[in-house]
Amino acid sequence: MDVEKEKIHQHYVPACYLANFGVKGNNGRKSKIYFYDISAPKSGNETRISSVNKFPTEKNFYDIPELEDNKKLLENFFGKIEGEYSKLLEKILQYVEQKKANSKLVTFTQSDRESIVGQFAMQIVRTKYYRDRFDSIYQTLHTAFPWGCLPKYNQEDFRRLHTLDLLNFKMANFYANLLNDRNWVFLVNHTKVPFFTSDNPAIFINNGKDVSAPLSPVAEQMTFFIPLSPMVAVELYHKNVVKKPEVFVHVYDEKSIKWYNINLARRCFRFIMSNQSDFSTLEVKDEQG
């Protein structure tokens, strides 16, 4: 019964990932994390703290009522793959620490890369931010066509569209194949400003000259970025831009970390998260580091 109760409130960002941003380090599902609500009125109460076991979740987020007894199919699937994700995250952070110490005790193999890239791809498509895109497309169509030419949709309809997208794996496979063909840049943070994360932590960043121009994820100017902890992030580059399969970049400039955090904040659905309570650096004007 307790397990079923837990499945009612479903994570769209895995607790095993968020635990790496715990206030007192990774204490598993008991880890506490600060979060900043960008939608809240600016009253000084936008920053709060919660357990990663309880946040961010939404009631029955992945449920498929039409499947009746099997309505938790997607939630059960994510529960299974998150066990593997937890081990891969632990391994990749150990790998970075060993590299910093010039040790070769831990290796991160090509098979490991392919597995974690699959997890990154699923993270892109499983969020509230991604689900909201269906509503955005609908509103764009309604703006372009005379009112009444398109059928009306409600929140449950957009939920079904998202569920179908998750079930057929087409977009997840697209992103996994795209990311598998990229070269890795590990960003090691040596500043006092931590990498933040969010309720949409896996993002593409336009590094072209015109950042306002819409670009496909396959464009050479687009990089894929995901923070792994307050001190480590990965950015995947097109092979024509970064020639080596793996590069380590040690970042000592706070402005660069702030720039990544601002990009993450722009693509969050509602919450920015950190191991620290200070989110004031998000107020910095947009500057590329």
C-alpha atoms as a PDB file:
ATOM      1  CA  MET A   1       0.000   0.000   0.000  1.00  0.00           C
ATOM      2  CA  ASP A   2       2.845   2.431   0.854  1.00  0.00           C
ATOM      3  CA  VAL A   3       4.456   1.784  -2.525  1.00  0.00           C
ATOM      4  CA  GLU A   4       1.196   2.512  -4.327  1.00  0.00           C
ATOM      5  CA  LYS A   5       0.718   5.711  -2.312  1.00  0.00           C
ATOM      6  CA  GLU A   6       4.193   6.825  -3.307  1.00  0.00           C
ATOM      7  CA  LYS A   7       3.357   6.240  -6.968  1.00  0.00           C
ATOM      8  CA  ILE A   8       0.490   8.715  -6.778  1.00  0.00           C
ATOM      9  CA  HIS A   9       2.916  11.638  -6.486  1.00  0.00           C
ATOM     10  CA  GLN A  10       5.225  11.125  -9.435  1.00  0.00           C
ATOM     11  CA  HIS A  11       8.602  12.728 -10.113  1.00  0.00           C
ATOM     12  CA  TYR A  12       9.197  14.274 -13.527  1.00  0.00           C
ATOM     13  CA  VAL A  13      12.828  14.863 -12.484  1.00  0.00           C
ATOM     14  CA  PRO A  14      14.316  11.770 -10.774  1.00  0.00           C
ATOM     15  CA  ALA A  15      15.077  12.062  -7.065  1.00  0.00           C
ATOM     16  CA  CYS A  16      18.349  10.168  -7.645  1.00  0.00           C
ATOM     17  CA  TYR A  17      19.487  13.016  -9.922  1.00  0.00           C
ATOM     18  CA  LEU A  18      18.349  15.856  -7.629  1.00  0.00           C
ATOM     19  CA  ALA A  19      20.067  14.216  -4.635  1.00  0.00           C
ATOM     20  CA  ASN A  20      23.417  15.261  -6.140  1.00  0.00           C
ATOM     21  CA  PHE A  21      22.378  18.868  -5.402  1.00  0.00           C
ATOM     22  CA  GLY A  22      21.548  18.166  -1.756  1.00  0.00           C
ATOM     23  CA  VAL A  23      22.269  20.900   0.789  1.00  0.00           C
ATOM     24  CA  LYS A  24      24.432  18.488   2.796  1.00  0.00           C
ATOM     25  CA  GLY A  25      25.530  16.416  -0.164  1.00  0.00           C
ATOM     26  CA  ASN A  26      23.882  13.310  -1.569  1.00  0.00           C
ATOM     27  CA  ASN A  27      21.851  11.636   1.165  1.00  0.00           C
ATOM     28  CA  GLY A  28      19.659   9.738  -1.248  1.00  0.00           C
ATOM     29  CA  ARG A  29      15.927  10.430  -1.200  1.00  0.00           C
ATOM     30  CA  LYS A  30      16.319  12.214   2.162  1.00  0.00           C
ATOM     31  CA  SER A  31      18.448  14.947   0.546  1.00  0.00           C
ATOM     32  CA  LYS A  32      17.169  18.490   1.022  1.00  0.00           C
ATOM     33  CA  ILE A  33      17.302  21.002  -1.825  1.00  0.00           C
ATOM     34  CA  TYR A  34      16.570  24.729  -2.100  1.00  0.00           C
ATOM     35  CA  PHE A  35      14.195  25.807  -4.820  1.00  0.00           C
ATOM     36  CA  TYR A  36      13.275  29.173  -6.293  1.00  0.00           C
ATOM     37  CA  ASP A  37       9.793  29.651  -7.742  1.00  0.00           C
ATOM     38  CA  ILE A  38      10.107  31.958 -10.761  1.00  0.00           C
ATOM     39  CA  SER A  39       6.310  32.241 -11.001  1.00  0.00           C
ATOM     40  CA  ALA A  40       5.849  33.505  -7.436  1.00  0.00           C
ATOM     41  CA  PRO A  41       5.176  37.194  -6.757  1.00  0.00           C
ATOM     42  CA  LYS A  42       8.438  38.819  -5.740  1.00  0.00           C
ATOM     43  CA  SER A  43       7.677  39.125  -2.044  1.00  0.00           C
ATOM     44  CA  GLY A  44      10.885  37.693  -0.628  1.00  0.00           C
ATOM     45  CA  ASN A  45       9.344  34.221  -0.149  1.00  0.00           C
ATOM     46  CA  GLU A  46      10.304  32.733  -3.510  1.00  0.00           C
ATOM     47  CA  THR A  47      13.061  30.525  -2.030  1.00  0.00           C
ATOM     48  CA  ARG A  48      12.098  27.449  -0.032  1.00  0.00           C
ATOM     49  CA  ILE A  49      13.551  24.056   0.858  1.00  0.00           C
ATOM     50  CA  SER A  50      12.160  20.559   0.368  1.00  0.00           C
ATOM     51  CA  SER A  51      13.131  16.911   0.313  1.00  0.00           C
ATOM     52  CA  VAL A  52      13.913  15.520  -3.150  1.00  0.00           C
ATOM     53  CA  ASN A  53      11.628  12.611  -2.266  1.00  0.00           C
ATOM     54  CA  LYS A  54       8.680  15.018  -2.228  1.00  0.00           C
ATOM     55  CA  PHE A  55       9.596  17.568  -4.880  1.00  0.00           C
ATOM     56  CA  PRO A  56       9.090  18.234  -7.736  1.00  0.00           C
ATOM     57  CA  THR A  57       6.159  15.885  -8.224  1.00  0.00           C
ATOM     58  CA  GLU A  58       2.639  15.992  -9.593  1.00  0.00           C
ATOM     59  CA  LYS A  59      -0.267  13.771  -8.687  1.00  0.00           C
ATOM     60  CA  ASN A  60      -0.712  10.929 -11.207  1.00  0.00           C
ATOM     61  CA  PHE A  61       1.499  12.766 -13.717  1.00  0.00           C
ATOM     62  CA  TYR A  62       2.229   9.699 -15.903  1.00  0.00           C
ATOM     63  CA  ASP A  63      -1.014   7.791 -15.280  1.00  0.00           C
ATOM     64  CA  ILE A  64      -2.888   6.358 -18.277  1.00  0.00           C
ATOM     65  CA  PRO A  65      -6.472   5.900 -16.958  1.00  0.00           C
ATOM     66  CA  GLU A  66      -7.528   4.036 -20.109  1.00  0.00           C
ATOM     67  CA  LEU A  67      -5.233   1.142 -19.098  1.00  0.00           C
ATOM     68  CA  GLU A  68      -7.139   0.672 -15.831  1.00  0.00           C
ATOM     69  CA  ASP A  69      -5.126  -1.833 -13.727  1.00  0.00           C
ATOM     70  CA  ASN A  70      -2.006  -1.006 -15.780  1.00  0.00           C
ATOM     71  CA  LYS A  71      -2.450   2.763 -15.569  1.00  0.00           C
ATOM     72  CA  LYS A  72       0.901   3.089 -13.730  1.00  0.00           C
ATOM     73  CA  LEU A  73       2.751   1.569 -16.699  1.00  0.00           C
ATOM     74  CA  LEU A  74       4.884   4.649 -17.392  1.00  0.00           C
ATOM     75  CA  GLU A  75       5.531   5.402 -13.723  1.00  0.00           C
ATOM     76  CA  ASN A  76       6.708   1.803 -13.189  1.00  0.00           C
ATOM     77  CA  PHE A  77       8.953   2.071 -16.247  1.00  0.00           C
ATOM     78  CA  PHE A  78      10.605   5.254 -14.996  1.00  0.00           C
ATOM     79  CA  GLY A  79      11.043   3.676 -11.568  1.00  0.00           C
ATOM     80  CA  LYS A  80      12.989   0.810 -13.125  1.00  0.00           C
ATOM     81  CA  ILE A  81      15.310   2.894 -15.319  1.00  0.00           C
ATOM     82  CA  GLU A  82      16.057   5.315 -12.473  1.00  0.00           C
ATOM     83  CA  GLY A  83      17.881   2.544 -10.610  1.00  0.00           C
ATOM     84  CA  GLU A  84      20.334   2.339 -13.502  1.00  0.00           C
ATOM     85  CA  TYR A  85      20.470   6.130 -13.775  1.00  0.00           C
ATOM     86  CA  SER A  86      21.461   6.444 -10.108  1.00  0.00           C
ATOM     87  CA  LYS A  87      24.437   4.104 -10.603  1.00  0.00           C
ATOM     88  CA  LEU A  88      25.532   5.888 -13.777  1.00  0.00           C
ATOM     89  CA  LEU A  89      25.372   9.307 -12.111  1.00  0.00           C
ATOM     90  CA  GLU A  90      27.462   8.044  -9.203  1.00  0.00           C
ATOM     91  CA  LYS A  91      29.973   6.527 -11.597  1.00  0.00           C
ATOM     92  CA  ILE A  92      30.317   9.599 -13.813  1.00  0.00           C
ATOM     93  CA  LEU A  93      30.901  11.895 -10.823  1.00  0.00           C
ATOM     94  CA  GLN A  94      33.495   9.477  -9.446  1.00  0.00           C
ATOM     95  CA  TYR A  95      35.110   9.445 -12.887  1.00  0.00           C
ATOM     96  CA  VAL A  96      35.409  13.242 -12.903  1.00  0.00           C
ATOM     97  CA  GLU A  97      36.886  13.262  -9.389  1.00  0.00           C
ATOM     98  CA  GLN A  98      39.431  10.612 -10.381  1.00  0.00           C
ATOM     99  CA  LYS A  99      40.350  12.577 -13.498  1.00  0.00           C
ATOM    100  CA  LYS A 100      40.949  15.679 -11.380  1.00  0.00           C
ATOM    101  CA  ALA A 101      43.349  13.599  -9.275  1.00  0.00           C
ATOM    102  CA  ASN A 102      45.003  12.117 -12.400  1.00  0.00           C
ATOM    103  CA  SER A 103      43.886   8.647 -11.354  1.00  0.00           C
ATOM    104  CA  LYS A 104      42.582   5.873 -13.605  1.00  0.00           C
ATOM    105  CA  LEU A 105      40.791   3.759 -10.994  1.00  0.00           C
ATOM    106  CA  VAL A 106      37.362   4.597 -12.420  1.00  0.00           C
ATOM    107  CA  THR A 107      36.563   4.372 -16.123  1.00  0.00           C
ATOM    108  CA  PHE A 108      33.502   5.652 -17.946  1.00  0.00           C
ATOM    109  CA  THR A 109      33.142   3.398 -20.967  1.00  0.00           C
ATOM    110  CA  GLN A 110      31.431   3.937 -24.305  1.00  0.00           C
ATOM    111  CA  SER A 111      28.676   1.618 -23.109  1.00  0.00           C
ATOM    112  CA  ASP A 112      28.235   3.806 -20.007  1.00  0.00           C
ATOM    113  CA  ARG A 113      28.006   6.887 -22.221  1.00  0.00           C
ATOM    114  CA  GLU A 114      25.344   5.348 -24.411  1.00  0.00           C
ATOM    115  CA  SER A 115      23.333   4.301 -21.356  1.00  0.00           C
ATOM    116  CA  ILE A 116      23.443   7.698 -19.675  1.00  0.00           C
ATOM    117  CA  VAL A 117      22.694   9.469 -22.959  1.00  0.00           C
ATOM    118  CA  GLY A 118      19.514   7.401 -23.128  1.00  0.00           C
ATOM    119  CA  GLN A 119      18.655   8.682 -19.653  1.00  0.00           C
ATOM    120  CA  PHE A 120      19.368  12.275 -20.745  1.00  0.00           C
ATOM    121  CA  ALA A 121      17.078  11.782 -23.742  1.00  0.00           C
ATOM    122  CA  MET A 122      14.264  10.511 -21.527  1.00  0.00           C
ATOM    123  CA  GLN A 123      14.793  13.463 -19.182  1.00  0.00           C
ATOM    124  CA  ILE A 124      14.218  15.878 -22.074  1.00  0.00           C
ATOM    125  CA  VAL A 125      10.801  14.424 -22.913  1.00  0.00           C
ATOM    126  CA  ARG A 126       9.382  13.459 -19.499  1.00  0.00           C
ATOM    127  CA  THR A 127       8.924  16.915 -17.916  1.00  0.00           C
ATOM    128  CA  LYS A 128       6.071  19.378 -17.393  1.00  0.00           C
ATOM    129  CA  TYR A 129       8.038  21.794 -19.584  1.00  0.00           C
ATOM    130  CA  TYR A 130       7.887  19.321 -22.482  1.00  0.00           C
ATOM    131  CA  ARG A 131       4.189  18.594 -21.905  1.00  0.00           C
ATOM    132  CA  ASP A 132       3.476  22.322 -21.964  1.00  0.00           C
ATOM    133  CA  ARG A 133       4.914  22.487 -25.494  1.00  0.00           C
ATOM    134  CA  PHE A 134       1.823  20.721 -26.816  1.00  0.00           C
ATOM    135  CA  ASP A 135      -0.323  23.539 -25.453  1.00  0.00           C
ATOM    136  CA  SER A 136       2.073  26.127 -26.943  1.00  0.00           C
ATOM    137  CA  ILE A 137       1.810  24.531 -30.394  1.00  0.00           C
ATOM    138  CA  TYR A 138      -1.976  24.510 -30.098  1.00  0.00           C
ATOM    139  CA  GLN A 139      -2.088  28.196 -29.121  1.00  0.00           C
ATOM    140  CA  THR A 140       0.218  29.079 -32.049  1.00  0.00           C
ATOM    141  CA  LEU A 141      -2.113  27.256 -34.458  1.00  0.00           C
ATOM    142  CA  HIS A 142      -5.137  29.028 -33.035  1.00  0.00           C
ATOM    143  CA  THR A 143      -3.396  32.354 -33.587  1.00  0.00           C
ATOM    144  CA  ALA A 144      -2.629  31.472 -37.204  1.00  0.00           C
ATOM    145  CA  PHE A 145      -6.069  30.093 -38.135  1.00  0.00           C
ATOM    146  CA  PRO A 146      -9.551  31.586 -37.739  1.00  0.00           C
ATOM    147  CA  TRP A 147     -11.148  30.762 -34.398  1.00  0.00           C
ATOM    148  CA  GLY A 148     -13.331  27.687 -34.694  1.00  0.00           C
ATOM    149  CA  CYS A 149     -11.289  26.018 -37.470  1.00  0.00           C
ATOM    150  CA  LEU A 150      -9.464  23.866 -34.911  1.00  0.00           C
ATOM    151  CA  PRO A 151     -11.061  21.588 -32.313  1.00  0.00           C
ATOM    152  CA  LYS A 152     -10.997  22.639 -28.685  1.00  0.00           C
ATOM    153  CA  TYR A 153      -8.561  20.890 -26.351  1.00  0.00           C
ATOM    154  CA  ASN A 154      -8.382  20.740 -22.590  1.00  0.00           C
ATOM    155  CA  GLN A 155      -5.613  19.870 -20.150  1.00  0.00           C
ATOM    156  CA  GLU A 156      -6.383  16.143 -20.268  1.00  0.00           C
ATOM    157  CA  ASP A 157      -6.032  16.135 -24.071  1.00  0.00           C
ATOM    158  CA  PHE A 158      -2.536  17.639 -23.872  1.00  0.00           C
ATOM    159  CA  ARG A 159      -1.674  15.085 -21.223  1.00  0.00           C
ATOM    160  CA  ARG A 160      -2.728  12.284 -23.592  1.00  0.00           C
ATOM    161  CA  LEU A 161      -0.612  13.741 -26.399  1.00  0.00           C
ATOM    162  CA  HIS A 162       2.394  13.784 -24.082  1.00  0.00           C
ATOM    163  CA  THR A 163       1.695  10.247 -22.861  1.00  0.00           C
ATOM    164  CA  LEU A 164       1.510   8.987 -26.447  1.00  0.00           C
ATOM    165  CA  ASP A 165       4.821  10.704 -27.177  1.00  0.00           C
ATOM    166  CA  LEU A 166       6.419   8.912 -24.222  1.00  0.00           C
ATOM    167  CA  LEU A 167       4.925   5.544 -25.132  1.00  0.00           C
ATOM    168  CA  ASN A 168       6.128   5.509 -28.738  1.00  0.00           C
ATOM    169  CA  PHE A 169       9.696   6.628 -27.770  1.00  0.00           C
ATOM    170  CA  LYS A 170      10.139   8.404 -31.122  1.00  0.00           C
ATOM    171  CA  MET A 171      11.395  11.696 -29.721  1.00  0.00           C
ATOM    172  CA  ALA A 172      13.407   9.987 -26.985  1.00  0.00           C
ATOM    173  CA  ASN A 173      15.119   7.854 -29.644  1.00  0.00           C
ATOM    174  CA  PHE A 174      15.715  10.944 -31.778  1.00  0.00           C
ATOM    175  CA  TYR A 175      17.449  12.763 -28.917  1.00  0.00           C
ATOM    176  CA  ALA A 176      19.410   9.662 -27.861  1.00  0.00           C
ATOM    177  CA  ASN A 177      20.776   9.157 -31.386  1.00  0.00           C
ATOM    178  CA  LEU A 178      21.583  12.859 -31.668  1.00  0.00           C
ATOM    179  CA  LEU A 179      23.453  12.962 -28.352  1.00  0.00           C
ATOM    180  CA  ASN A 180      25.306   9.709 -29.016  1.00  0.00           C
ATOM    181  CA  ASP A 181      26.937  11.434 -31.975  1.00  0.00           C
ATOM    182  CA  ARG A 182      28.268  14.324 -29.880  1.00  0.00           C
ATOM    183  CA  ASN A 183      31.614  14.853 -28.130  1.00  0.00           C
ATOM    184  CA  TRP A 184      31.698  15.430 -24.386  1.00  0.00           C
ATOM    185  CA  VAL A 185      32.980  18.478 -22.530  1.00  0.00           C
ATOM    186  CA  PHE A 186      33.101  18.096 -18.749  1.00  0.00           C
ATOM    187  CA  LEU A 187      32.783  21.450 -16.978  1.00  0.00           C
ATOM    188  CA  VAL A 188      34.453  21.417 -13.554  1.00  0.00           C
ATOM    189  CA  ASN A 189      33.346  24.332 -11.403  1.00  0.00           C
ATOM    190  CA  HIS A 190      36.035  25.923  -9.195  1.00  0.00           C
ATOM    191  CA  THR A 191      33.993  29.007  -8.242  1.00  0.00           C
ATOM    192  CA  LYS A 192      31.814  29.864  -5.248  1.00  0.00           C
ATOM    193  CA  VAL A 193      28.738  29.963  -7.505  1.00  0.00           C
ATOM    194  CA  PRO A 194      27.270  26.447  -7.878  1.00  0.00           C
ATOM    195  CA  PHE A 195      25.703  24.998 -10.984  1.00  0.00           C
ATOM    196  CA  PHE A 196      21.947  25.226 -10.464  1.00  0.00           C
ATOM    197  CA  THR A 197      19.498  22.651 -11.756  1.00  0.00           C
ATOM    198  CA  SER A 198      15.789  22.937 -12.520  1.00  0.00           C
ATOM    199  CA  ASP A 199      12.511  21.142 -13.166  1.00  0.00           C
ATOM    200  CA  ASN A 200      13.747  20.950 -16.786  1.00  0.00           C
ATOM    201  CA  PRO A 201      17.456  20.219 -16.296  1.00  0.00           C
ATOM    202  CA  ALA A 202      18.442  18.840 -19.732  1.00  0.00           C
ATOM    203  CA  ILE A 203      18.556  21.684 -22.258  1.00  0.00           C
ATOM    204  CA  PHE A 204      19.919  22.752 -25.648  1.00  0.00           C
ATOM    205  CA  ILE A 205      21.780  26.063 -25.806  1.00  0.00           C
ATOM    206  CA  ASN A 206      22.163  28.197 -28.930  1.00  0.00           C
ATOM    207  CA  ASN A 207      25.831  29.222 -29.120  1.00  0.00           C
ATOM    208  CA  GLY A 208      25.446  30.938 -32.486  1.00  0.00           C
ATOM    209  CA  LYS A 209      25.852  34.653 -33.173  1.00  0.00           C
ATOM    210  CA  ASP A 210      22.082  35.220 -33.266  1.00  0.00           C
ATOM    211  CA  VAL A 211      20.775  33.588 -30.102  1.00  0.00           C
ATOM    212  CA  SER A 212      17.237  34.788 -30.857  1.00  0.00           C
ATOM    213  CA  ALA A 213      17.048  32.773 -34.092  1.00  0.00           C
ATOM    214  CA  PRO A 214      15.259  29.406 -33.740  1.00  0.00           C
ATOM    215  CA  LEU A 215      17.610  26.509 -34.367  1.00  0.00           C
ATOM    216  CA  SER A 216      17.164  22.754 -34.662  1.00  0.00           C
ATOM    217  CA  PRO A 217      18.935  20.631 -31.999  1.00  0.00           C
ATOM    218  CA  VAL A 218      20.970  19.092 -34.844  1.00  0.00           C
ATOM    219  CA  ALA A 219      22.580  22.457 -35.746  1.00  0.00           C
ATOM    220  CA  GLU A 220      26.317  22.742 -35.141  1.00  0.00           C
ATOM    221  CA  GLN A 221      25.787  25.843 -33.000  1.00  0.00           C
ATOM    222  CA  MET A 222      23.559  23.943 -30.567  1.00  0.00           C
ATOM    223  CA  THR A 223      25.063  22.285 -27.519  1.00  0.00           C
ATOM    224  CA  PHE A 224      23.325  20.005 -25.043  1.00  0.00           C
ATOM    225  CA  PHE A 225      23.870  20.932 -21.393  1.00  0.00           C
ATOM    226  CA  ILE A 226      22.986  19.217 -18.128  1.00  0.00           C
ATOM    227  CA  PRO A 227      24.402  19.953 -14.653  1.00  0.00           C
ATOM    228  CA  LEU A 228      25.277  16.804 -12.713  1.00  0.00           C
ATOM    229  CA  SER A 229      26.116  18.402  -9.365  1.00  0.00           C
ATOM    230  CA  PRO A 230      26.906  21.892  -8.042  1.00  0.00           C
ATOM    231  CA  MET A 231      30.494  21.397  -9.178  1.00  0.00           C
ATOM    232  CA  VAL A 232      30.179  19.295 -12.356  1.00  0.00           C
ATOM    233  CA  ALA A 233      28.223  19.667 -15.589  1.00  0.00           C
ATOM    234  CA  VAL A 234      28.476  18.172 -19.064  1.00  0.00           C
ATOM    235  CA  GLU A 235      28.031  19.911 -22.384  1.00  0.00           C
ATOM    236  CA  LEU A 236      27.814  17.866 -25.574  1.00  0.00           C
ATOM    237  CA  TYR A 237      29.146  19.487 -28.752  1.00  0.00           C
ATOM    238  CA  HIS A 238      28.834  18.768 -32.461  1.00  0.00           C
ATOM    239  CA  LYS A 239      31.929  16.906 -33.681  1.00  0.00           C
ATOM    240  CA  ASN A 240      32.734  19.705 -36.118  1.00  0.00           C
ATOM    241  CA  VAL A 241      33.068  22.093 -33.166  1.00  0.00           C
ATOM    242  CA  VAL A 242      34.839  19.917 -30.564  1.00  0.00           C
ATOM    243  CA  LYS A 243      37.076  17.392 -32.291  1.00  0.00           C
ATOM    244  CA  LYS A 244      38.072  15.212 -29.318  1.00  0.00           C
ATOM    245  CA  PRO A 245      35.627  12.656 -27.862  1.00  0.00           C
ATOM    246  CA  GLU A 246      36.261  13.955 -24.337  1.00  0.00           C
ATOM    247  CA  VAL A 247      37.524  17.297 -23.004  1.00  0.00           C
ATOM    248  CA  PHE A 248      37.848  18.602 -19.443  1.00  0.00           C
ATOM    249  CA  VAL A 249      37.381  22.337 -18.882  1.00  0.00           C
ATOM    250  CA  HIS A 250      38.169  23.806 -15.461  1.00  0.00           C
ATOM    251  CA  VAL A 251      36.023  26.895 -14.901  1.00  0.00           C
ATOM    252  CA  TYR A 252      37.344  29.632 -12.589  1.00  0.00           C
ATOM    253  CA  ASP A 253      35.205  32.491 -13.920  1.00  0.00           C
ATOM    254  CA  GLU A 254      31.933  33.021 -12.008  1.00  0.00           C
ATOM    255  CA  LYS A 255      30.427  34.820 -14.992  1.00  0.00           C
ATOM    256  CA  SER A 256      30.549  31.591 -17.016  1.00  0.00           C
ATOM    257  CA  ILE A 257      28.710  29.617 -14.314  1.00  0.00           C
ATOM    258  CA  LYS A 258      26.094  32.385 -14.009  1.00  0.00           C
ATOM    259  CA  TRP A 259      25.587  32.312 -17.779  1.00  0.00           C
ATOM    260  CA  TYR A 260      24.797  28.584 -17.722  1.00  0.00           C
ATOM    261  CA  ASN A 261      22.445  29.062 -14.751  1.00  0.00           C
ATOM    262  CA  ILE A 262      20.585  31.847 -16.543  1.00  0.00           C
ATOM    263  CA  ASN A 263      20.151  29.650 -19.626  1.00  0.00           C
ATOM    264  CA  LEU A 264      18.767  26.912 -17.391  1.00  0.00           C
ATOM    265  CA  ALA A 265      16.381  29.351 -15.694  1.00  0.00           C
ATOM    266  CA  ARG A 266      15.018  30.510 -19.050  1.00  0.00           C
ATOM    267  CA  ARG A 267      14.004  26.956 -19.918  1.00  0.00           C
ATOM    268  CA  CYS A 268      12.614  25.840 -16.581  1.00  0.00           C
ATOM    269  CA  PHE A 269       8.904  25.289 -16.156  1.00  0.00           C
ATOM    270  CA  ARG A 270       8.667  26.874 -12.727  1.00  0.00           C
ATOM    271  CA  PHE A 271      11.483  25.889 -10.341  1.00  0.00           C
ATOM    272  CA  ILE A 272      15.241  26.524 -10.184  1.00  0.00           C
ATOM    273  CA  MET A 273      17.058  24.370  -7.611  1.00  0.00           C
ATOM    274  CA  SER A 274      20.374  24.480  -5.772  1.00  0.00           C
ATOM    275  CA  ASN A 275      22.337  23.309  -2.748  1.00  0.00           C
ATOM    276  CA  GLN A 276      22.533  26.991  -1.742  1.00  0.00           C
ATOM    277  CA  SER A 277      19.719  29.390  -0.882  1.00  0.00           C
ATOM    278  CA  ASP A 278      21.140  32.359  -2.832  1.00  0.00           C
ATOM    279  CA  PHE A 279      19.567  32.683  -6.296  1.00  0.00           C
ATOM    280  CA  SER A 280      20.435  36.359  -6.754  1.00  0.00           C
ATOM    281  CA  THR A 281      22.903  35.579  -9.549  1.00  0.00           C
ATOM    282  CA  LEU A 282      19.926  34.864 -11.821  1.00  0.00           C
ATOM    283  CA  GLU A 283      19.323  38.605 -11.891  1.00  0.00           C
ATOM    284  CA  VAL A 284      22.546  39.180 -13.838  1.00  0.00           C
ATOM    285  CA  LYS A 285      21.978  40.502 -17.352  1.00  0.00           C
ATOM    286  CA  ASP A 286      22.430  38.047 -20.207  1.00  0.00           C
ATOM    287  CA  GLU A 287      26.131  37.815 -20.964  1.00  0.00           C
ATOM    288  CA  GLN A 288      27.867  34.920 -22.666  1.00  0.00           C
ATOM    289  CA  GLY A 289      30.721  33.609 -20.533  1.00  0.00           C
END
